[in-house]
Amino acid sequence: MSETVRKEVRDWVARLAWLVALGTFLAILGPYNTGGLGWPAVWIYWVGLIALGSGVGWTAAPVAERVVPGLPSWAYHVIAGFCVSLPVTAVVFGINAAMEGRIVWQVLPLTWFFVLVICAFVTGIAWLSEHMQALREAAANPPSASTASASPALTDKLPHRLRAARLISMCAEDHYLRVRTDAGEALILMRLSDAIAACGALAGAQVHRSWWVARDAVTDARKGDGRGTLILEDGSEVPVSRSYYPALREAGWF
């Protein structure tokens, strides 16, 4: 089983455990006089409703993101909660009508209100859980310069297929500049000094009068006689001149 499949299985197990736990909590709480159903009926009632609502919510939120992109995450939870309330209200209203043996349309708005309250509670917990998870992931993986992008002064000169690629190195060749990325390379008309200025947000350094190298592209380094050589992930070997070697050594490149 691949890691992707294992992750999907873990996510679904976590989701199922979450909805069973929440349904059990509501069954114990017994809101809206549902405790009178008795066990295990009240448990089946609430777990079933949470399962129905979760299924609708897990579908509605991604659809909303595609139809109305760019909204904050809480807005998609609000949309999902509203969508969930409609089928759940229909089920609750139908169950109540079956239990009473008659349909009382006048109580439908009140039933919908009660369902909306539960939906707001559940979607609020879901949003808070996702928000806290995002904060934990952000704390564990803080953004760094290596994940930043070069400015358009450089990227706009690259072929479209390379503009979003990760930069590996740049090498001056006469009046041209050879830009190597993890998606390929290109020869553009640009001065190395201007290209380096455009890479100010990236973790990298000029290592030679003709070379700039991204820090995370270095796989090995060789020292010798006040100079050095950097071996990059694409297999290229970049010379480090005497003038740049001390600063790079101080920065931990060697």
C-alpha atoms as a PDB file:
ATOM      1  CA  MET A   1       0.000   0.000   0.000  1.00  0.00           C
ATOM      2  CA  SER A   2       1.472   3.366  -1.033  1.00  0.00           C
ATOM      3  CA  GLU A   3       1.935   6.246   1.404  1.00  0.00           C
ATOM      4  CA  THR A   4      -0.775   8.217  -0.410  1.00  0.00           C
ATOM      5  CA  VAL A   5      -3.298   5.402   0.039  1.00  0.00           C
ATOM      6  CA  ARG A   6      -2.315   4.964   3.680  1.00  0.00           C
ATOM      7  CA  LYS A   7      -2.828   8.675   4.283  1.00  0.00           C
ATOM      8  CA  GLU A   8      -6.269   8.528   2.634  1.00  0.00           C
ATOM      9  CA  VAL A   9      -7.219   5.564   4.824  1.00  0.00           C
ATOM     10  CA  ARG A  10      -6.020   7.371   7.961  1.00  0.00           C
ATOM     11  CA  ASP A  11      -7.984  10.487   7.010  1.00  0.00           C
ATOM     12  CA  TRP A  12     -11.192   8.511   6.493  1.00  0.00           C
ATOM     13  CA  VAL A  13     -10.735   6.577   9.729  1.00  0.00           C
ATOM     14  CA  ALA A  14     -10.226   9.867  11.557  1.00  0.00           C
ATOM     15  CA  ARG A  15     -13.355  11.317   9.941  1.00  0.00           C
ATOM     16  CA  LEU A  16     -15.466   8.298  10.855  1.00  0.00           C
ATOM     17  CA  ALA A  17     -14.162   8.339  14.423  1.00  0.00           C
ATOM     18  CA  TRP A  18     -14.948  12.062  14.635  1.00  0.00           C
ATOM     19  CA  LEU A  19     -18.561  11.723  13.459  1.00  0.00           C
ATOM     20  CA  VAL A  20     -19.215   8.716  15.736  1.00  0.00           C
ATOM     21  CA  ALA A  21     -17.738  10.602  18.698  1.00  0.00           C
ATOM     22  CA  LEU A  22     -19.782  13.712  17.957  1.00  0.00           C
ATOM     23  CA  GLY A  23     -22.957  11.701  17.397  1.00  0.00           C
ATOM     24  CA  THR A  24     -22.364   9.874  20.690  1.00  0.00           C
ATOM     25  CA  PHE A  25     -21.836  13.183  22.498  1.00  0.00           C
ATOM     26  CA  LEU A  26     -25.126  14.565  21.158  1.00  0.00           C
ATOM     27  CA  ALA A  27     -26.900  11.301  22.006  1.00  0.00           C
ATOM     28  CA  ILE A  28     -25.699  11.600  25.595  1.00  0.00           C
ATOM     29  CA  LEU A  29     -26.658  15.269  25.675  1.00  0.00           C
ATOM     30  CA  GLY A  30     -30.077  14.472  24.194  1.00  0.00           C
ATOM     31  CA  PRO A  31     -30.995  17.961  22.922  1.00  0.00           C
ATOM     32  CA  TYR A  32     -34.553  18.831  21.822  1.00  0.00           C
ATOM     33  CA  ASN A  33     -36.003  16.054  23.993  1.00  0.00           C
ATOM     34  CA  THR A  34     -34.374  13.339  21.877  1.00  0.00           C
ATOM     35  CA  GLY A  35     -33.195  11.652  25.051  1.00  0.00           C
ATOM     36  CA  GLY A  36     -36.717  10.275  25.364  1.00  0.00           C
ATOM     37  CA  LEU A  37     -36.022   7.946  22.460  1.00  0.00           C
ATOM     38  CA  GLY A  38     -33.910   5.808  24.752  1.00  0.00           C
ATOM     39  CA  TRP A  39     -30.800   3.826  23.949  1.00  0.00           C
ATOM     40  CA  PRO A  40     -29.709   2.738  21.426  1.00  0.00           C
ATOM     41  CA  ALA A  41     -32.351   4.599  19.374  1.00  0.00           C
ATOM     42  CA  VAL A  42     -31.098   8.051  20.383  1.00  0.00           C
ATOM     43  CA  TRP A  43     -27.536   7.024  19.497  1.00  0.00           C
ATOM     44  CA  ILE A  44     -28.600   5.725  16.076  1.00  0.00           C
ATOM     45  CA  TYR A  45     -30.632   8.906  15.567  1.00  0.00           C
ATOM     46  CA  TRP A  46     -27.757  11.312  16.227  1.00  0.00           C
ATOM     47  CA  VAL A  47     -24.958   9.292  14.670  1.00  0.00           C
ATOM     48  CA  GLY A  48     -27.121   8.836  11.589  1.00  0.00           C
ATOM     49  CA  LEU A  49     -27.858  12.560  11.333  1.00  0.00           C
ATOM     50  CA  ILE A  50     -24.195  13.481  11.837  1.00  0.00           C
ATOM     51  CA  ALA A  51     -23.184  10.945   9.187  1.00  0.00           C
ATOM     52  CA  LEU A  52     -25.721  12.387   6.735  1.00  0.00           C
ATOM     53  CA  GLY A  53     -24.675  15.948   7.472  1.00  0.00           C
ATOM     54  CA  SER A  54     -20.980  15.126   7.240  1.00  0.00           C
ATOM     55  CA  GLY A  55     -21.441  13.450   3.875  1.00  0.00           C
ATOM     56  CA  VAL A  56     -23.250  16.502   2.514  1.00  0.00           C
ATOM     57  CA  GLY A  57     -20.744  18.905   4.082  1.00  0.00           C
ATOM     58  CA  TRP A  58     -17.709  17.055   2.747  1.00  0.00           C
ATOM     59  CA  THR A  59     -19.232  17.346  -0.718  1.00  0.00           C
ATOM     60  CA  ALA A  60     -20.617  20.886  -0.492  1.00  0.00           C
ATOM     61  CA  ALA A  61     -17.412  22.571   0.723  1.00  0.00           C
ATOM     62  CA  PRO A  62     -15.159  21.450  -2.207  1.00  0.00           C
ATOM     63  CA  VAL A  63     -17.910  22.280  -4.700  1.00  0.00           C
ATOM     64  CA  ALA A  64     -18.245  25.760  -3.165  1.00  0.00           C
ATOM     65  CA  GLU A  65     -14.472  26.261  -3.428  1.00  0.00           C
ATOM     66  CA  ARG A  66     -14.610  25.516  -7.151  1.00  0.00           C
ATOM     67  CA  VAL A  67     -17.722  27.601  -7.834  1.00  0.00           C
ATOM     68  CA  VAL A  68     -16.765  30.594  -5.664  1.00  0.00           C
ATOM     69  CA  PRO A  69     -12.965  30.547  -5.285  1.00  0.00           C
ATOM     70  CA  GLY A  70     -11.023  32.935  -3.084  1.00  0.00           C
ATOM     71  CA  LEU A  71     -13.283  33.061  -0.024  1.00  0.00           C
ATOM     72  CA  PRO A  72     -11.877  32.623   3.507  1.00  0.00           C
ATOM     73  CA  SER A  73     -12.080  29.101   4.905  1.00  0.00           C
ATOM     74  CA  TRP A  74     -14.811  29.963   7.414  1.00  0.00           C
ATOM     75  CA  ALA A  75     -17.066  31.127   4.578  1.00  0.00           C
ATOM     76  CA  TYR A  76     -16.945  27.672   2.970  1.00  0.00           C
ATOM     77  CA  HIS A  77     -17.909  26.138   6.302  1.00  0.00           C
ATOM     78  CA  VAL A  78     -20.888  28.495   6.520  1.00  0.00           C
ATOM     79  CA  ILE A  79     -21.977  27.506   3.004  1.00  0.00           C
ATOM     80  CA  ALA A  80     -21.508  23.831   3.847  1.00  0.00           C
ATOM     81  CA  GLY A  81     -23.496  24.226   7.077  1.00  0.00           C
ATOM     82  CA  PHE A  82     -26.404  25.798   5.202  1.00  0.00           C
ATOM     83  CA  CYS A  83     -26.355  23.027   2.591  1.00  0.00           C
ATOM     84  CA  VAL A  84     -26.275  20.402   5.334  1.00  0.00           C
ATOM     85  CA  SER A  85     -29.272  21.916   7.095  1.00  0.00           C
ATOM     86  CA  LEU A  86     -31.619  21.300   4.158  1.00  0.00           C
ATOM     87  CA  PRO A  87     -31.498  17.471   3.847  1.00  0.00           C
ATOM     88  CA  VAL A  88     -31.079  17.031   7.616  1.00  0.00           C
ATOM     89  CA  THR A  89     -34.164  19.164   8.238  1.00  0.00           C
ATOM     90  CA  ALA A  90     -36.093  17.045   5.761  1.00  0.00           C
ATOM     91  CA  VAL A  91     -35.033  13.839   7.533  1.00  0.00           C
ATOM     92  CA  VAL A  92     -35.766  15.189  11.025  1.00  0.00           C
ATOM     93  CA  PHE A  93     -39.135  16.520   9.916  1.00  0.00           C
ATOM     94  CA  GLY A  94     -39.960  13.196   8.297  1.00  0.00           C
ATOM     95  CA  ILE A  95     -38.949  11.211  11.396  1.00  0.00           C
ATOM     96  CA  ASN A  96     -41.020  13.468  13.650  1.00  0.00           C
ATOM     97  CA  ALA A  97     -44.017  13.184  11.349  1.00  0.00           C
ATOM     98  CA  ALA A  98     -43.695   9.391  11.289  1.00  0.00           C
ATOM     99  CA  MET A  99     -43.469   9.218  15.070  1.00  0.00           C
ATOM    100  CA  GLU A 100     -46.488  11.476  15.550  1.00  0.00           C
ATOM    101  CA  GLY A 101     -48.476   9.875  12.757  1.00  0.00           C
ATOM    102  CA  ARG A 102     -49.271  13.213  11.136  1.00  0.00           C
ATOM    103  CA  ILE A 103     -47.596  16.087   9.303  1.00  0.00           C
ATOM    104  CA  VAL A 104     -47.611  19.488  10.988  1.00  0.00           C
ATOM    105  CA  TRP A 105     -46.222  21.935   8.459  1.00  0.00           C
ATOM    106  CA  GLN A 106     -46.281  24.810  10.913  1.00  0.00           C
ATOM    107  CA  VAL A 107     -43.348  23.323  12.859  1.00  0.00           C
ATOM    108  CA  LEU A 108     -41.100  23.058   9.778  1.00  0.00           C
ATOM    109  CA  PRO A 109     -39.497  26.522  10.222  1.00  0.00           C
ATOM    110  CA  LEU A 110     -38.809  25.773  13.898  1.00  0.00           C
ATOM    111  CA  THR A 111     -37.350  22.384  12.981  1.00  0.00           C
ATOM    112  CA  TRP A 112     -35.073  24.059  10.454  1.00  0.00           C
ATOM    113  CA  PHE A 113     -33.959  26.568  13.102  1.00  0.00           C
ATOM    114  CA  PHE A 114     -33.075  23.787  15.533  1.00  0.00           C
ATOM    115  CA  VAL A 115     -31.151  21.977  12.793  1.00  0.00           C
ATOM    116  CA  LEU A 116     -29.302  25.175  11.890  1.00  0.00           C
ATOM    117  CA  VAL A 117     -28.173  25.539  15.499  1.00  0.00           C
ATOM    118  CA  ILE A 118     -26.759  22.009  15.475  1.00  0.00           C
ATOM    119  CA  CYS A 119     -25.166  22.606  12.048  1.00  0.00           C
ATOM    120  CA  ALA A 120     -23.539  25.807  13.304  1.00  0.00           C
ATOM    121  CA  PHE A 121     -22.188  23.906  16.300  1.00  0.00           C
ATOM    122  CA  VAL A 122     -20.807  21.047  14.215  1.00  0.00           C
ATOM    123  CA  THR A 123     -19.336  23.193  11.417  1.00  0.00           C
ATOM    124  CA  GLY A 124     -17.842  25.520  14.021  1.00  0.00           C
ATOM    125  CA  ILE A 125     -16.033  22.597  15.614  1.00  0.00           C
ATOM    126  CA  ALA A 126     -14.897  21.398  12.172  1.00  0.00           C
ATOM    127  CA  TRP A 127     -13.557  24.834  11.226  1.00  0.00           C
ATOM    128  CA  LEU A 128     -11.795  25.234  14.576  1.00  0.00           C
ATOM    129  CA  SER A 129     -10.222  21.796  14.220  1.00  0.00           C
ATOM    130  CA  GLU A 130      -8.950  22.558  10.701  1.00  0.00           C
ATOM    131  CA  HIS A 131      -7.766  26.016  11.763  1.00  0.00           C
ATOM    132  CA  MET A 132      -5.787  24.628  14.708  1.00  0.00           C
ATOM    133  CA  GLN A 133      -4.318  21.907  12.477  1.00  0.00           C
ATOM    134  CA  ALA A 134      -3.214  24.562   9.974  1.00  0.00           C
ATOM    135  CA  LEU A 135      -1.576  26.562  12.778  1.00  0.00           C
ATOM    136  CA  ARG A 136       0.263  23.459  14.009  1.00  0.00           C
ATOM    137  CA  GLU A 137       1.502  22.680  10.497  1.00  0.00           C
ATOM    138  CA  ALA A 138       2.582  26.295   9.980  1.00  0.00           C
ATOM    139  CA  ALA A 139       4.491  26.210  13.263  1.00  0.00           C
ATOM    140  CA  ALA A 140       6.135  22.911  12.349  1.00  0.00           C
ATOM    141  CA  ASN A 141       6.999  24.088   8.825  1.00  0.00           C
ATOM    142  CA  PRO A 142       7.665  27.827   8.928  1.00  0.00           C
ATOM    143  CA  PRO A 143       8.010  29.522   5.538  1.00  0.00           C
ATOM    144  CA  SER A 144      11.589  30.043   4.470  1.00  0.00           C
ATOM    145  CA  ALA A 145      13.365  31.908   1.792  1.00  0.00           C
ATOM    146  CA  SER A 146      13.870  28.656  -0.135  1.00  0.00           C
ATOM    147  CA  THR A 147      10.126  28.395  -0.662  1.00  0.00           C
ATOM    148  CA  ALA A 148       9.841  31.988  -1.850  1.00  0.00           C
ATOM    149  CA  SER A 149       9.898  33.114  -5.462  1.00  0.00           C
ATOM    150  CA  ALA A 150      12.125  35.311  -7.537  1.00  0.00           C
ATOM    151  CA  SER A 151      10.645  38.629  -8.603  1.00  0.00           C
ATOM    152  CA  PRO A 152       8.950  39.074 -12.000  1.00  0.00           C
ATOM    153  CA  ALA A 153      12.050  40.916 -13.208  1.00  0.00           C
ATOM    154  CA  LEU A 154      13.573  37.470 -13.615  1.00  0.00           C
ATOM    155  CA  THR A 155      10.634  35.070 -13.886  1.00  0.00           C
ATOM    156  CA  ASP A 156       8.933  37.043 -16.668  1.00  0.00           C
ATOM    157  CA  LYS A 157      11.966  36.438 -18.878  1.00  0.00           C
ATOM    158  CA  LEU A 158      11.744  32.662 -18.418  1.00  0.00           C
ATOM    159  CA  PRO A 159       9.636  30.299 -20.548  1.00  0.00           C
ATOM    160  CA  HIS A 160       6.190  29.707 -19.043  1.00  0.00           C
ATOM    161  CA  ARG A 161       7.063  26.135 -18.103  1.00  0.00           C
ATOM    162  CA  LEU A 162       9.894  27.367 -15.856  1.00  0.00           C
ATOM    163  CA  ARG A 163       8.312  30.374 -14.161  1.00  0.00           C
ATOM    164  CA  ALA A 164       6.935  28.432 -11.212  1.00  0.00           C
ATOM    165  CA  ALA A 165       9.899  26.056 -10.973  1.00  0.00           C
ATOM    166  CA  ARG A 166      12.424  26.056  -8.129  1.00  0.00           C
ATOM    167  CA  LEU A 167      15.623  27.877  -8.973  1.00  0.00           C
ATOM    168  CA  ILE A 168      18.882  25.894  -8.757  1.00  0.00           C
ATOM    169  CA  SER A 169      21.577  28.144 -10.214  1.00  0.00           C
ATOM    170  CA  MET A 170      22.357  30.983 -12.605  1.00  0.00           C
ATOM    171  CA  CYS A 171      25.486  31.300 -14.696  1.00  0.00           C
ATOM    172  CA  ALA A 172      26.607  34.264 -16.805  1.00  0.00           C
ATOM    173  CA  GLU A 173      27.572  33.401 -20.386  1.00  0.00           C
ATOM    174  CA  ASP A 174      28.785  36.523 -22.240  1.00  0.00           C
ATOM    175  CA  HIS A 175      25.753  38.825 -22.400  1.00  0.00           C
ATOM    176  CA  TYR A 176      23.370  35.996 -21.559  1.00  0.00           C
ATOM    177  CA  LEU A 177      22.362  34.202 -18.387  1.00  0.00           C
ATOM    178  CA  ARG A 178      21.801  30.466 -18.104  1.00  0.00           C
ATOM    179  CA  VAL A 179      19.063  29.809 -15.534  1.00  0.00           C
ATOM    180  CA  ARG A 180      18.779  26.249 -14.229  1.00  0.00           C
ATOM    181  CA  THR A 181      15.656  25.076 -12.399  1.00  0.00           C
ATOM    182  CA  ASP A 182      14.277  21.750 -11.213  1.00  0.00           C
ATOM    183  CA  ALA A 183      12.075  21.769 -14.338  1.00  0.00           C
ATOM    184  CA  GLY A 184      14.790  22.503 -16.885  1.00  0.00           C
ATOM    185  CA  GLU A 185      16.984  25.402 -17.977  1.00  0.00           C
ATOM    186  CA  ALA A 186      16.819  28.461 -20.217  1.00  0.00           C
ATOM    187  CA  LEU A 187      19.210  31.017 -21.690  1.00  0.00           C
ATOM    188  CA  ILE A 188      17.934  34.575 -21.254  1.00  0.00           C
ATOM    189  CA  LEU A 189      19.264  38.044 -21.983  1.00  0.00           C
ATOM    190  CA  MET A 190      19.943  39.480 -18.514  1.00  0.00           C
ATOM    191  CA  ARG A 191      22.865  40.581 -16.388  1.00  0.00           C
ATOM    192  CA  LEU A 192      23.790  38.345 -13.471  1.00  0.00           C
ATOM    193  CA  SER A 193      23.739  41.307 -11.074  1.00  0.00           C
ATOM    194  CA  ASP A 194      20.161  42.140 -12.047  1.00  0.00           C
ATOM    195  CA  ALA A 195      19.112  38.500 -11.710  1.00  0.00           C
ATOM    196  CA  ILE A 196      20.702  38.275  -8.244  1.00  0.00           C
ATOM    197  CA  ALA A 197      18.780  41.381  -7.187  1.00  0.00           C
ATOM    198  CA  ALA A 198      15.586  39.696  -8.375  1.00  0.00           C
ATOM    199  CA  CYS A 199      16.386  36.691  -6.157  1.00  0.00           C
ATOM    200  CA  GLY A 200      16.635  38.671  -2.933  1.00  0.00           C
ATOM    201  CA  ALA A 201      13.834  36.639  -1.307  1.00  0.00           C
ATOM    202  CA  LEU A 202      15.578  33.336  -2.029  1.00  0.00           C
ATOM    203  CA  ALA A 203      18.132  31.527   0.114  1.00  0.00           C
ATOM    204  CA  GLY A 204      21.159  31.613  -2.121  1.00  0.00           C
ATOM    205  CA  ALA A 205      24.402  33.440  -2.796  1.00  0.00           C
ATOM    206  CA  GLN A 206      26.786  34.551  -5.458  1.00  0.00           C
ATOM    207  CA  VAL A 207      29.716  32.148  -5.276  1.00  0.00           C
ATOM    208  CA  HIS A 208      31.739  33.329  -8.242  1.00  0.00           C
ATOM    209  CA  ARG A 209      31.761  36.377 -10.490  1.00  0.00           C
ATOM    210  CA  SER A 210      29.766  34.297 -12.995  1.00  0.00           C
ATOM    211  CA  TRP A 211      27.660  32.128 -10.677  1.00  0.00           C
ATOM    212  CA  TRP A 212      24.721  32.341  -8.267  1.00  0.00           C
ATOM    213  CA  VAL A 213      23.567  29.175  -6.451  1.00  0.00           C
ATOM    214  CA  ALA A 214      20.445  28.312  -4.428  1.00  0.00           C
ATOM    215  CA  ARG A 215      21.405  27.089  -0.957  1.00  0.00           C
ATOM    216  CA  ASP A 216      19.068  24.081  -0.948  1.00  0.00           C
ATOM    217  CA  ALA A 217      20.386  22.909  -4.327  1.00  0.00           C
ATOM    218  CA  VAL A 218      23.831  22.115  -2.897  1.00  0.00           C
ATOM    219  CA  THR A 219      24.341  18.404  -2.238  1.00  0.00           C
ATOM    220  CA  ASP A 220      28.079  18.440  -1.502  1.00  0.00           C
ATOM    221  CA  ALA A 221      31.011  20.822  -1.165  1.00  0.00           C
ATOM    222  CA  ARG A 222      34.747  20.384  -1.652  1.00  0.00           C
ATOM    223  CA  LYS A 223      37.335  22.668  -0.066  1.00  0.00           C
ATOM    224  CA  GLY A 224      40.848  23.440  -1.224  1.00  0.00           C
ATOM    225  CA  ASP A 225      43.442  26.221  -1.186  1.00  0.00           C
ATOM    226  CA  GLY A 226      41.065  29.051  -0.285  1.00  0.00           C
ATOM    227  CA  ARG A 227      38.647  28.059  -2.993  1.00  0.00           C
ATOM    228  CA  GLY A 228      35.956  25.466  -3.270  1.00  0.00           C
ATOM    229  CA  THR A 229      33.583  23.567  -5.487  1.00  0.00           C
ATOM    230  CA  LEU A 230      29.868  23.100  -4.956  1.00  0.00           C
ATOM    231  CA  ILE A 231      28.118  20.022  -6.310  1.00  0.00           C
ATOM    232  CA  LEU A 232      24.491  20.711  -7.127  1.00  0.00           C
ATOM    233  CA  GLU A 233      21.501  18.419  -7.266  1.00  0.00           C
ATOM    234  CA  ASP A 234      21.478  18.513 -11.076  1.00  0.00           C
ATOM    235  CA  GLY A 235      25.029  17.134 -11.122  1.00  0.00           C
ATOM    236  CA  SER A 236      26.767  20.362 -12.094  1.00  0.00           C
ATOM    237  CA  GLU A 237      29.943  21.498 -10.328  1.00  0.00           C
ATOM    238  CA  VAL A 238      30.182  25.189  -9.530  1.00  0.00           C
ATOM    239  CA  PRO A 239      33.503  26.878  -8.737  1.00  0.00           C
ATOM    240  CA  VAL A 240      33.741  29.065  -5.641  1.00  0.00           C
ATOM    241  CA  SER A 241      36.258  31.860  -6.010  1.00  0.00           C
ATOM    242  CA  ARG A 242      38.638  33.105  -3.316  1.00  0.00           C
ATOM    243  CA  SER A 243      36.712  36.340  -2.858  1.00  0.00           C
ATOM    244  CA  TYR A 244      33.449  34.578  -1.996  1.00  0.00           C
ATOM    245  CA  TYR A 245      34.814  31.536  -0.181  1.00  0.00           C
ATOM    246  CA  PRO A 246      35.321  33.088   3.312  1.00  0.00           C
ATOM    247  CA  ALA A 247      31.769  34.420   3.533  1.00  0.00           C
ATOM    248  CA  LEU A 248      30.316  31.120   2.341  1.00  0.00           C
ATOM    249  CA  ARG A 249      32.439  29.165   4.806  1.00  0.00           C
ATOM    250  CA  GLU A 250      31.282  31.475   7.600  1.00  0.00           C
ATOM    251  CA  ALA A 251      27.666  30.901   6.541  1.00  0.00           C
ATOM    252  CA  GLY A 252      28.102  27.142   6.761  1.00  0.00           C
ATOM    253  CA  TRP A 253      28.231  26.255   3.088  1.00  0.00           C
ATOM    254  CA  PHE A 254      31.500  24.395   3.686  1.00  0.00           C
END
